[in-house]
Amino acid sequence: LAERAPGGRFVAVRAEDLPADLGEIDHVLVLRSYNHFARPDEALGPAIRALRVGGTLLVADNVAFGLVRTLAHARRAEGAPENAFEHYRNDGAAE
């Protein structure tokens, strides 16, 4: 993508690690990660606030499976440090 838009600046980071000095941005792409944010409003807030007027936010995710597990299993999965990519929800376009 950088080769096709040599005047562009591309930042690929975890949403929670978005640099504070990013400035105004044109586009935000959230690719297959929205359902992995424990708190989407906090994770995406900085990027959304940095969008210029008329900028675009594209969220592309899928609803791959149901989260069917006991409360004990959920607590163990969500509390384990190796599960940094925990699937917290199954939000689709309607949500």
PDB file of N, CA and C in Angstrom:
ATOM      1  N   LEU A   1       0.822  -1.197   0.000  1.00  0.00           N
ATOM      2  CA  LEU A   1       0.000   0.000   0.000  1.00  0.00           C
ATOM      3  C   LEU A   1       0.861   1.253   0.000  1.00  0.00           C
ATOM      4  N   ALA A   2       1.946   1.217   0.755  1.00  0.00           N
ATOM      5  CA  ALA A   2       2.842   2.379   0.801  1.00  0.00           C
ATOM      6  C   ALA A   2       3.430   2.676  -0.575  1.00  0.00           C
ATOM      7  N   GLU A   3       3.688   1.633  -1.387  1.00  0.00           N
ATOM      8  CA  GLU A   3       4.210   1.848  -2.738  1.00  0.00           C
ATOM      9  C   GLU A   3       3.183   2.531  -3.627  1.00  0.00           C
ATOM     10  N   ARG A   4       1.913   2.246  -3.423  1.00  0.00           N
ATOM     11  CA  ARG A   4       0.849   2.850  -4.243  1.00  0.00           C
ATOM     12  C   ARG A   4       0.523   4.274  -3.822  1.00  0.00           C
ATOM     13  N   ALA A   5       0.845   4.621  -2.613  1.00  0.00           N
ATOM     14  CA  ALA A   5       0.571   5.976  -2.105  1.00  0.00           C
ATOM     15  C   ALA A   5       1.832   6.502  -1.432  1.00  0.00           C
ATOM     16  N   PRO A   6       2.852   6.858  -2.234  1.00  0.00           N
ATOM     17  CA  PRO A   6       4.131   7.264  -1.654  1.00  0.00           C
ATOM     18  C   PRO A   6       4.052   8.505  -0.779  1.00  0.00           C
ATOM     19  N   GLY A   7       3.042   9.309  -0.928  1.00  0.00           N
ATOM     20  CA  GLY A   7       2.891  10.498  -0.080  1.00  0.00           C
ATOM     21  C   GLY A   7       2.181  10.215   1.221  1.00  0.00           C
ATOM     22  N   GLY A   8       1.726   8.987   1.383  1.00  0.00           N
ATOM     23  CA  GLY A   8       0.977   8.623   2.584  1.00  0.00           C
ATOM     24  C   GLY A   8       1.884   8.228   3.728  1.00  0.00           C
ATOM     25  N   ARG A   9       1.307   8.234   4.895  1.00  0.00           N
ATOM     26  CA  ARG A   9       1.996   7.762   6.087  1.00  0.00           C
ATOM     27  C   ARG A   9       1.140   6.666   6.678  1.00  0.00           C
ATOM     28  N   PHE A  10       1.737   5.541   6.952  1.00  0.00           N
ATOM     29  CA  PHE A  10       0.991   4.384   7.419  1.00  0.00           C
ATOM     30  C   PHE A  10       1.489   3.991   8.800  1.00  0.00           C
ATOM     31  N   VAL A  11       0.543   3.787   9.705  1.00  0.00           N
ATOM     32  CA  VAL A  11       0.886   3.407  11.072  1.00  0.00           C
ATOM     33  C   VAL A  11       0.123   2.123  11.378  1.00  0.00           C
ATOM     34  N   ALA A  12       0.847   1.059  11.643  1.00  0.00           N
ATOM     35  CA  ALA A  12       0.234  -0.219  11.993  1.00  0.00           C
ATOM     36  C   ALA A  12       0.600  -0.530  13.434  1.00  0.00           C
ATOM     37  N   VAL A  13      -0.348  -0.322  14.337  1.00  0.00           N
ATOM     38  CA  VAL A  13      -0.119  -0.556  15.763  1.00  0.00           C
ATOM     39  C   VAL A  13      -1.378  -1.126  16.392  1.00  0.00           C
ATOM     40  N   ARG A  14      -1.220  -1.668  17.573  1.00  0.00           N
ATOM     41  CA  ARG A  14      -2.397  -2.041  18.358  1.00  0.00           C
ATOM     42  C   ARG A  14      -3.153  -0.760  18.655  1.00  0.00           C
ATOM     43  N   ALA A  15      -4.451  -0.813  18.642  1.00  0.00           N
ATOM     44  CA  ALA A  15      -5.257   0.385  18.891  1.00  0.00           C
ATOM     45  C   ALA A  15      -4.888   1.045  20.211  1.00  0.00           C
ATOM     46  N   GLU A  16      -4.611   0.231  21.220  1.00  0.00           N
ATOM     47  CA  GLU A  16      -4.266   0.770  22.534  1.00  0.00           C
ATOM     48  C   GLU A  16      -2.901   1.460  22.545  1.00  0.00           C
ATOM     49  N   ASP A  17      -2.083   1.223  21.519  1.00  0.00           N
ATOM     50  CA  ASP A  17      -0.737   1.794  21.449  1.00  0.00           C
ATOM     51  C   ASP A  17      -0.617   2.914  20.423  1.00  0.00           C
ATOM     52  N   LEU A  18      -1.728   3.443  19.971  1.00  0.00           N
ATOM     53  CA  LEU A  18      -1.711   4.514  18.979  1.00  0.00           C
ATOM     54  C   LEU A  18      -0.950   5.715  19.534  1.00  0.00           C
ATOM     55  N   PRO A  19       0.011   6.243  18.791  1.00  0.00           N
ATOM     56  CA  PRO A  19       0.795   7.379  19.295  1.00  0.00           C
ATOM     57  C   PRO A  19      -0.088   8.606  19.567  1.00  0.00           C
ATOM     58  N   ALA A  20       0.194   9.301  20.643  1.00  0.00           N
ATOM     59  CA  ALA A  20      -0.589  10.488  21.006  1.00  0.00           C
ATOM     60  C   ALA A  20      -0.364  11.627  20.021  1.00  0.00           C
ATOM     61  N   ASP A  21       0.801  11.668  19.372  1.00  0.00           N
ATOM     62  CA  ASP A  21       1.131  12.762  18.465  1.00  0.00           C
ATOM     63  C   ASP A  21       0.820  12.433  17.006  1.00  0.00           C
ATOM     64  N   LEU A  22      -0.156  11.584  16.779  1.00  0.00           N
ATOM     65  CA  LEU A  22      -0.485  11.144  15.435  1.00  0.00           C
ATOM     66  C   LEU A  22      -0.970  12.285  14.550  1.00  0.00           C
ATOM     67  N   GLY A  23      -1.619  13.257  15.125  1.00  0.00           N
ATOM     68  CA  GLY A  23      -2.181  14.347  14.323  1.00  0.00           C
ATOM     69  C   GLY A  23      -3.471  13.923  13.661  1.00  0.00           C
ATOM     70  N   GLU A  24      -3.883  14.680  12.654  1.00  0.00           N
ATOM     71  CA  GLU A  24      -5.124  14.391  11.947  1.00  0.00           C
ATOM     72  C   GLU A  24      -4.888  13.248  10.953  1.00  0.00           C
ATOM     73  N   ILE A  25      -5.814  12.314  10.911  1.00  0.00           N
ATOM     74  CA  ILE A  25      -5.660  11.176  10.003  1.00  0.00           C
ATOM     75  C   ILE A  25      -6.864  11.077   9.068  1.00  0.00           C
ATOM     76  N   ASP A  26      -6.631  10.452   7.926  1.00  0.00           N
ATOM     77  CA  ASP A  26      -7.667  10.337   6.894  1.00  0.00           C
ATOM     78  C   ASP A  26      -8.512   9.082   7.016  1.00  0.00           C
ATOM     79  N   HIS A  27      -7.879   7.972   7.367  1.00  0.00           N
ATOM     80  CA  HIS A  27      -8.580   6.692   7.371  1.00  0.00           C
ATOM     81  C   HIS A  27      -8.130   5.825   8.549  1.00  0.00           C
ATOM     82  N   VAL A  28      -9.080   5.069   9.083  1.00  0.00           N
ATOM     83  CA  VAL A  28      -8.788   4.081  10.124  1.00  0.00           C
ATOM     84  C   VAL A  28      -9.371   2.757   9.649  1.00  0.00           C
ATOM     85  N   LEU A  29      -8.545   1.718   9.640  1.00  0.00           N
ATOM     86  CA  LEU A  29      -8.982   0.376   9.282  1.00  0.00           C
ATOM     87  C   LEU A  29      -8.848  -0.518  10.510  1.00  0.00           C
ATOM     88  N   VAL A  30      -9.940  -1.123  10.915  1.00  0.00           N
ATOM     89  CA  VAL A  30      -9.954  -2.074  12.024  1.00  0.00           C
ATOM     90  C   VAL A  30     -10.243  -3.429  11.387  1.00  0.00           C
ATOM     91  N   LEU A  31      -9.186  -4.191  11.166  1.00  0.00           N
ATOM     92  CA  LEU A  31      -9.292  -5.419  10.391  1.00  0.00           C
ATOM     93  C   LEU A  31      -9.313  -6.648  11.284  1.00  0.00           C
ATOM     94  N   ARG A  32     -10.464  -7.287  11.355  1.00  0.00           N
ATOM     95  CA  ARG A  32     -10.666  -8.519  12.110  1.00  0.00           C
ATOM     96  C   ARG A  32     -10.140  -8.437  13.536  1.00  0.00           C
ATOM     97  N   SER A  33     -10.419  -7.325  14.191  1.00  0.00           N
ATOM     98  CA  SER A  33      -9.932  -7.161  15.559  1.00  0.00           C
ATOM     99  C   SER A  33     -10.961  -6.546  16.498  1.00  0.00           C
ATOM    100  N   TYR A  34     -12.040  -5.974  15.977  1.00  0.00           N
ATOM    101  CA  TYR A  34     -13.013  -5.284  16.820  1.00  0.00           C
ATOM    102  C   TYR A  34     -13.522  -6.171  17.956  1.00  0.00           C
ATOM    103  N   ASN A  35     -13.848  -7.390  17.654  1.00  0.00           N
ATOM    104  CA  ASN A  35     -14.393  -8.287  18.679  1.00  0.00           C
ATOM    105  C   ASN A  35     -13.352  -8.748  19.688  1.00  0.00           C
ATOM    106  N   HIS A  36     -12.109  -8.345  19.505  1.00  0.00           N
ATOM    107  CA  HIS A  36     -11.041  -8.674  20.453  1.00  0.00           C
ATOM    108  C   HIS A  36     -10.747  -7.526  21.412  1.00  0.00           C
ATOM    109  N   PHE A  37     -11.402  -6.386  21.230  1.00  0.00           N
ATOM    110  CA  PHE A  37     -11.206  -5.268  22.153  1.00  0.00           C
ATOM    111  C   PHE A  37     -12.055  -5.497  23.394  1.00  0.00           C
ATOM    112  N   ALA A  38     -11.425  -5.475  24.558  1.00  0.00           N
ATOM    113  CA  ALA A  38     -12.184  -5.608  25.807  1.00  0.00           C
ATOM    114  C   ALA A  38     -13.114  -4.406  25.968  1.00  0.00           C
ATOM    115  N   ARG A  39     -12.630  -3.222  25.604  1.00  0.00           N
ATOM    116  CA  ARG A  39     -13.405  -1.982  25.705  1.00  0.00           C
ATOM    117  C   ARG A  39     -13.244  -1.204  24.387  1.00  0.00           C
ATOM    118  N   PRO A  40     -14.070  -1.501  23.376  1.00  0.00           N
ATOM    119  CA  PRO A  40     -13.917  -0.879  22.056  1.00  0.00           C
ATOM    120  C   PRO A  40     -13.915   0.644  22.087  1.00  0.00           C
ATOM    121  N   ASP A  41     -14.731   1.234  22.943  1.00  0.00           N
ATOM    122  CA  ASP A  41     -14.783   2.697  23.001  1.00  0.00           C
ATOM    123  C   ASP A  41     -13.435   3.279  23.414  1.00  0.00           C
ATOM    124  N   GLU A  42     -12.764   2.643  24.362  1.00  0.00           N
ATOM    125  CA  GLU A  42     -11.438   3.112  24.795  1.00  0.00           C
ATOM    126  C   GLU A  42     -10.368   2.813  23.748  1.00  0.00           C
ATOM    127  N   ALA A  43     -10.443   1.640  23.134  1.00  0.00           N
ATOM    128  CA  ALA A  43      -9.432   1.248  22.155  1.00  0.00           C
ATOM    129  C   ALA A  43      -9.492   2.113  20.903  1.00  0.00           C
ATOM    130  N   LEU A  44     -10.693   2.419  20.439  1.00  0.00           N
ATOM    131  CA  LEU A  44     -10.837   3.165  19.184  1.00  0.00           C
ATOM    132  C   LEU A  44     -11.008   4.661  19.369  1.00  0.00           C
ATOM    133  N   GLY A  45     -11.270   5.106  20.590  1.00  0.00           N
ATOM    134  CA  GLY A  45     -11.502   6.526  20.841  1.00  0.00           C
ATOM    135  C   GLY A  45     -10.429   7.444  20.286  1.00  0.00           C
ATOM    136  N   PRO A  46      -9.144   7.207  20.567  1.00  0.00           N
ATOM    137  CA  PRO A  46      -8.102   8.097  20.054  1.00  0.00           C
ATOM    138  C   PRO A  46      -8.070   8.168  18.527  1.00  0.00           C
ATOM    139  N   ALA A  47      -8.244   7.034  17.866  1.00  0.00           N
ATOM    140  CA  ALA A  47      -8.226   7.019  16.400  1.00  0.00           C
ATOM    141  C   ALA A  47      -9.423   7.771  15.836  1.00  0.00           C
ATOM    142  N   ILE A  48     -10.579   7.574  16.427  1.00  0.00           N
ATOM    143  CA  ILE A  48     -11.786   8.253  15.946  1.00  0.00           C
ATOM    144  C   ILE A  48     -11.678   9.753  16.162  1.00  0.00           C
ATOM    145  N   ARG A  49     -11.151  10.155  17.304  1.00  0.00           N
ATOM    146  CA  ARG A  49     -10.993  11.592  17.564  1.00  0.00           C
ATOM    147  C   ARG A  49      -9.976  12.228  16.620  1.00  0.00           C
ATOM    148  N   ALA A  50      -9.013  11.433  16.134  1.00  0.00           N
ATOM    149  CA  ALA A  50      -7.989  11.970  15.231  1.00  0.00           C
ATOM    150  C   ALA A  50      -8.465  12.027  13.780  1.00  0.00           C
ATOM    151  N   LEU A  51      -9.586  11.383  13.462  1.00  0.00           N
ATOM    152  CA  LEU A  51     -10.078  11.404  12.084  1.00  0.00           C
ATOM    153  C   LEU A  51     -10.426  12.819  11.652  1.00  0.00           C
ATOM    154  N   ARG A  52      -9.971  13.180  10.460  1.00  0.00           N
ATOM    155  CA  ARG A  52     -10.331  14.487   9.919  1.00  0.00           C
ATOM    156  C   ARG A  52     -11.804  14.472   9.541  1.00  0.00           C
ATOM    157  N   VAL A  53     -12.394  15.633   9.407  1.00  0.00           N
ATOM    158  CA  VAL A  53     -13.778  15.737   8.942  1.00  0.00           C
ATOM    159  C   VAL A  53     -13.830  15.118   7.548  1.00  0.00           C
ATOM    160  N   GLY A  54     -14.725  14.190   7.348  1.00  0.00           N
ATOM    161  CA  GLY A  54     -14.820  13.489   6.073  1.00  0.00           C
ATOM    162  C   GLY A  54     -13.937  12.259   5.988  1.00  0.00           C
ATOM    163  N   GLY A  55     -13.167  11.965   7.053  1.00  0.00           N
ATOM    164  CA  GLY A  55     -12.322  10.778   7.076  1.00  0.00           C
ATOM    165  C   GLY A  55     -13.177   9.528   7.184  1.00  0.00           C
ATOM    166  N   THR A  56     -12.559   8.380   7.006  1.00  0.00           N
ATOM    167  CA  THR A  56     -13.322   7.134   7.032  1.00  0.00           C
ATOM    168  C   THR A  56     -12.832   6.191   8.127  1.00  0.00           C
ATOM    169  N   LEU A  57     -13.786   5.495   8.707  1.00  0.00           N
ATOM    170  CA  LEU A  57     -13.520   4.432   9.666  1.00  0.00           C
ATOM    171  C   LEU A  57     -14.114   3.170   9.061  1.00  0.00           C
ATOM    172  N   LEU A  58     -13.278   2.181   8.778  1.00  0.00           N
ATOM    173  CA  LEU A  58     -13.738   0.924   8.210  1.00  0.00           C
ATOM    174  C   LEU A  58     -13.473  -0.184   9.215  1.00  0.00           C
ATOM    175  N   VAL A  59     -14.549  -0.827   9.655  1.00  0.00           N
ATOM    176  CA  VAL A  59     -14.440  -1.946  10.582  1.00  0.00           C
ATOM    177  C   VAL A  59     -14.833  -3.200   9.807  1.00  0.00           C
ATOM    178  N   ALA A  60     -13.881  -4.114   9.650  1.00  0.00           N
ATOM    179  CA  ALA A  60     -14.123  -5.372   8.942  1.00  0.00           C
ATOM    180  C   ALA A  60     -13.839  -6.505   9.918  1.00  0.00           C
ATOM    181  N   ASP A  61     -14.884  -7.171  10.351  1.00  0.00           N
ATOM    182  CA  ASP A  61     -14.732  -8.272  11.294  1.00  0.00           C
ATOM    183  C   ASP A  61     -15.678  -9.374  10.876  1.00  0.00           C
ATOM    184  N   ASN A  62     -15.660 -10.461  11.575  1.00  0.00           N
ATOM    185  CA  ASN A  62     -16.574 -11.548  11.283  1.00  0.00           C
ATOM    186  C   ASN A  62     -17.135 -12.107  12.580  1.00  0.00           C
ATOM    187  N   VAL A  63     -18.198 -12.825  12.445  1.00  0.00           N
ATOM    188  CA  VAL A  63     -18.809 -13.501  13.587  1.00  0.00           C
ATOM    189  C   VAL A  63     -18.566 -14.984  13.333  1.00  0.00           C
ATOM    190  N   ALA A  64     -17.391 -15.413  13.743  1.00  0.00           N
ATOM    191  CA  ALA A  64     -16.925 -16.749  13.380  1.00  0.00           C
ATOM    192  C   ALA A  64     -17.534 -17.869  14.215  1.00  0.00           C
ATOM    193  N   PHE A  65     -17.819 -17.600  15.473  1.00  0.00           N
ATOM    194  CA  PHE A  65     -18.288 -18.667  16.338  1.00  0.00           C
ATOM    195  C   PHE A  65     -19.006 -18.077  17.537  1.00  0.00           C
ATOM    196  N   GLY A  66     -19.803 -18.893  18.173  1.00  0.00           N
ATOM    197  CA  GLY A  66     -20.478 -18.458  19.381  1.00  0.00           C
ATOM    198  C   GLY A  66     -19.579 -18.642  20.595  1.00  0.00           C
ATOM    199  N   LEU A  67     -19.761 -17.779  21.559  1.00  0.00           N
ATOM    200  CA  LEU A  67     -18.995 -17.898  22.793  1.00  0.00           C
ATOM    201  C   LEU A  67     -19.825 -18.708  23.790  1.00  0.00           C
ATOM    202  N   VAL A  68     -19.662 -20.011  23.724  1.00  0.00           N
ATOM    203  CA  VAL A  68     -20.417 -20.900  24.595  1.00  0.00           C
ATOM    204  C   VAL A  68     -19.433 -21.507  25.589  1.00  0.00           C
ATOM    205  N   ARG A  69     -19.499 -21.024  26.812  1.00  0.00           N
ATOM    206  CA  ARG A  69     -18.622 -21.551  27.847  1.00  0.00           C
ATOM    207  C   ARG A  69     -19.179 -21.164  29.206  1.00  0.00           C
ATOM    208  N   THR A  70     -18.721 -21.858  30.207  1.00  0.00           N
ATOM    209  CA  THR A  70     -19.191 -21.560  31.553  1.00  0.00           C
ATOM    210  C   THR A  70     -18.540 -20.266  32.041  1.00  0.00           C
ATOM    211  N   LEU A  71     -19.075 -19.710  33.091  1.00  0.00           N
ATOM    212  CA  LEU A  71     -18.507 -18.498  33.680  1.00  0.00           C
ATOM    213  C   LEU A  71     -17.072 -18.749  34.146  1.00  0.00           C
ATOM    214  N   ALA A  72     -16.823 -19.917  34.719  1.00  0.00           N
ATOM    215  CA  ALA A  72     -15.471 -20.254  35.179  1.00  0.00           C
ATOM    216  C   ALA A  72     -14.491 -20.303  34.005  1.00  0.00           C
ATOM    217  N   HIS A  73     -14.901 -20.900  32.881  1.00  0.00           N
ATOM    218  CA  HIS A  73     -14.042 -20.940  31.696  1.00  0.00           C
ATOM    219  C   HIS A  73     -13.784 -19.539  31.163  1.00  0.00           C
ATOM    220  N   ALA A  74     -14.796 -18.716  31.141  1.00  0.00           N
ATOM    221  CA  ALA A  74     -14.639 -17.346  30.641  1.00  0.00           C
ATOM    222  C   ALA A  74     -13.665 -16.560  31.509  1.00  0.00           C
ATOM    223  N   ARG A  75     -13.799 -16.669  32.821  1.00  0.00           N
ATOM    224  CA  ARG A  75     -12.888 -15.948  33.723  1.00  0.00           C
ATOM    225  C   ARG A  75     -11.446 -16.410  33.547  1.00  0.00           C
ATOM    226  N   ARG A  76     -11.273 -17.725  33.417  1.00  0.00           N
ATOM    227  CA  ARG A  76      -9.921 -18.249  33.228  1.00  0.00           C
ATOM    228  C   ARG A  76      -9.328 -17.767  31.897  1.00  0.00           C
ATOM    229  N   ALA A  77     -10.095 -17.803  30.838  1.00  0.00           N
ATOM    230  CA  ALA A  77      -9.613 -17.387  29.519  1.00  0.00           C
ATOM    231  C   ALA A  77      -9.306 -15.893  29.482  1.00  0.00           C
ATOM    232  N   GLU A  78     -10.183 -15.090  30.038  1.00  0.00           N
ATOM    233  CA  GLU A  78     -10.010 -13.646  29.981  1.00  0.00           C
ATOM    234  C   GLU A  78      -8.926 -13.156  30.935  1.00  0.00           C
ATOM    235  N   GLY A  79      -8.574 -13.948  31.934  1.00  0.00           N
ATOM    236  CA  GLY A  79      -7.568 -13.529  32.895  1.00  0.00           C
ATOM    237  C   GLY A  79      -6.172 -14.026  32.599  1.00  0.00           C
ATOM    238  N   ALA A  80      -6.039 -14.916  31.634  1.00  0.00           N
ATOM    239  CA  ALA A  80      -4.728 -15.493  31.325  1.00  0.00           C
ATOM    240  C   ALA A  80      -3.907 -14.539  30.462  1.00  0.00           C
ATOM    241  N   PRO A  81      -2.650 -14.251  30.852  1.00  0.00           N
ATOM    242  CA  PRO A  81      -1.823 -13.319  30.084  1.00  0.00           C
ATOM    243  C   PRO A  81      -1.526 -13.793  28.670  1.00  0.00           C
ATOM    244  N   GLU A  82      -1.492 -15.101  28.454  1.00  0.00           N
ATOM    245  CA  GLU A  82      -1.210 -15.594  27.108  1.00  0.00           C
ATOM    246  C   GLU A  82      -2.404 -15.430  26.163  1.00  0.00           C
ATOM    247  N   ASN A  83      -3.546 -15.034  26.701  1.00  0.00           N
ATOM    248  CA  ASN A  83      -4.744 -14.839  25.883  1.00  0.00           C
ATOM    249  C   ASN A  83      -4.970 -13.361  25.590  1.00  0.00           C
ATOM    250  N   ALA A  84      -3.932 -12.679  25.164  1.00  0.00           N
ATOM    251  CA  ALA A  84      -4.048 -11.250  24.861  1.00  0.00           C
ATOM    252  C   ALA A  84      -5.002 -10.999  23.698  1.00  0.00           C
ATOM    253  N   PHE A  85      -5.285 -12.024  22.921  1.00  0.00           N
ATOM    254  CA  PHE A  85      -6.164 -11.858  21.762  1.00  0.00           C
ATOM    255  C   PHE A  85      -7.526 -12.505  21.998  1.00  0.00           C
ATOM    256  N   GLU A  86      -7.962 -12.486  23.229  1.00  0.00           N
ATOM    257  CA  GLU A  86      -9.256 -13.056  23.610  1.00  0.00           C
ATOM    258  C   GLU A  86     -10.370 -12.458  22.755  1.00  0.00           C
ATOM    259  N   HIS A  87     -11.308 -13.305  22.358  1.00  0.00           N
ATOM    260  CA  HIS A  87     -12.479 -12.891  21.578  1.00  0.00           C
ATOM    261  C   HIS A  87     -13.578 -12.535  22.584  1.00  0.00           C
ATOM    262  N   TYR A  88     -13.841 -11.244  22.777  1.00  0.00           N
ATOM    263  CA  TYR A  88     -14.747 -10.794  23.832  1.00  0.00           C
ATOM    264  C   TYR A  88     -16.210 -10.732  23.426  1.00  0.00           C
ATOM    265  N   ARG A  89     -16.488 -10.642  22.152  1.00  0.00           N
ATOM    266  CA  ARG A  89     -17.892 -10.502  21.719  1.00  0.00           C
ATOM    267  C   ARG A  89     -18.024 -11.056  20.311  1.00  0.00           C
ATOM    268  N   ASN A  90     -19.214 -11.133  19.844  1.00  0.00           N
ATOM    269  CA  ASN A  90     -19.512 -11.556  18.468  1.00  0.00           C
ATOM    270  C   ASN A  90     -20.382 -10.493  17.792  1.00  0.00           C
ATOM    271  N   ASP A  91     -19.995  -9.235  17.927  1.00  0.00           N
ATOM    272  CA  ASP A  91     -20.767  -8.165  17.301  1.00  0.00           C
ATOM    273  C   ASP A  91     -20.670  -8.278  15.784  1.00  0.00           C
ATOM    274  N   GLY A  92     -21.797  -8.121  15.145  1.00  0.00           N
ATOM    275  CA  GLY A  92     -21.845  -8.084  13.689  1.00  0.00           C
ATOM    276  C   GLY A  92     -22.257  -6.692  13.244  1.00  0.00           C
ATOM    277  N   ALA A  93     -22.622  -6.551  12.002  1.00  0.00           N
ATOM    278  CA  ALA A  93     -22.978  -5.246  11.446  1.00  0.00           C
ATOM    279  C   ALA A  93     -24.153  -4.598  12.195  1.00  0.00           C
ATOM    280  N   ALA A  94     -25.092  -5.383  12.638  1.00  0.00           N
ATOM    281  CA  ALA A  94     -26.264  -4.828  13.328  1.00  0.00           C
ATOM    282  C   ALA A  94     -25.891  -4.185  14.663  1.00  0.00           C
ATOM    283  N   GLU A  95     -24.923  -4.750  15.349  1.00  0.00           N
ATOM    284  CA  GLU A  95     -24.519  -4.197  16.636  1.00  0.00           C
ATOM    285  C   GLU A  95     -23.638  -2.986  16.442  1.00  0.00           C
TER     286      GLU A  95
END
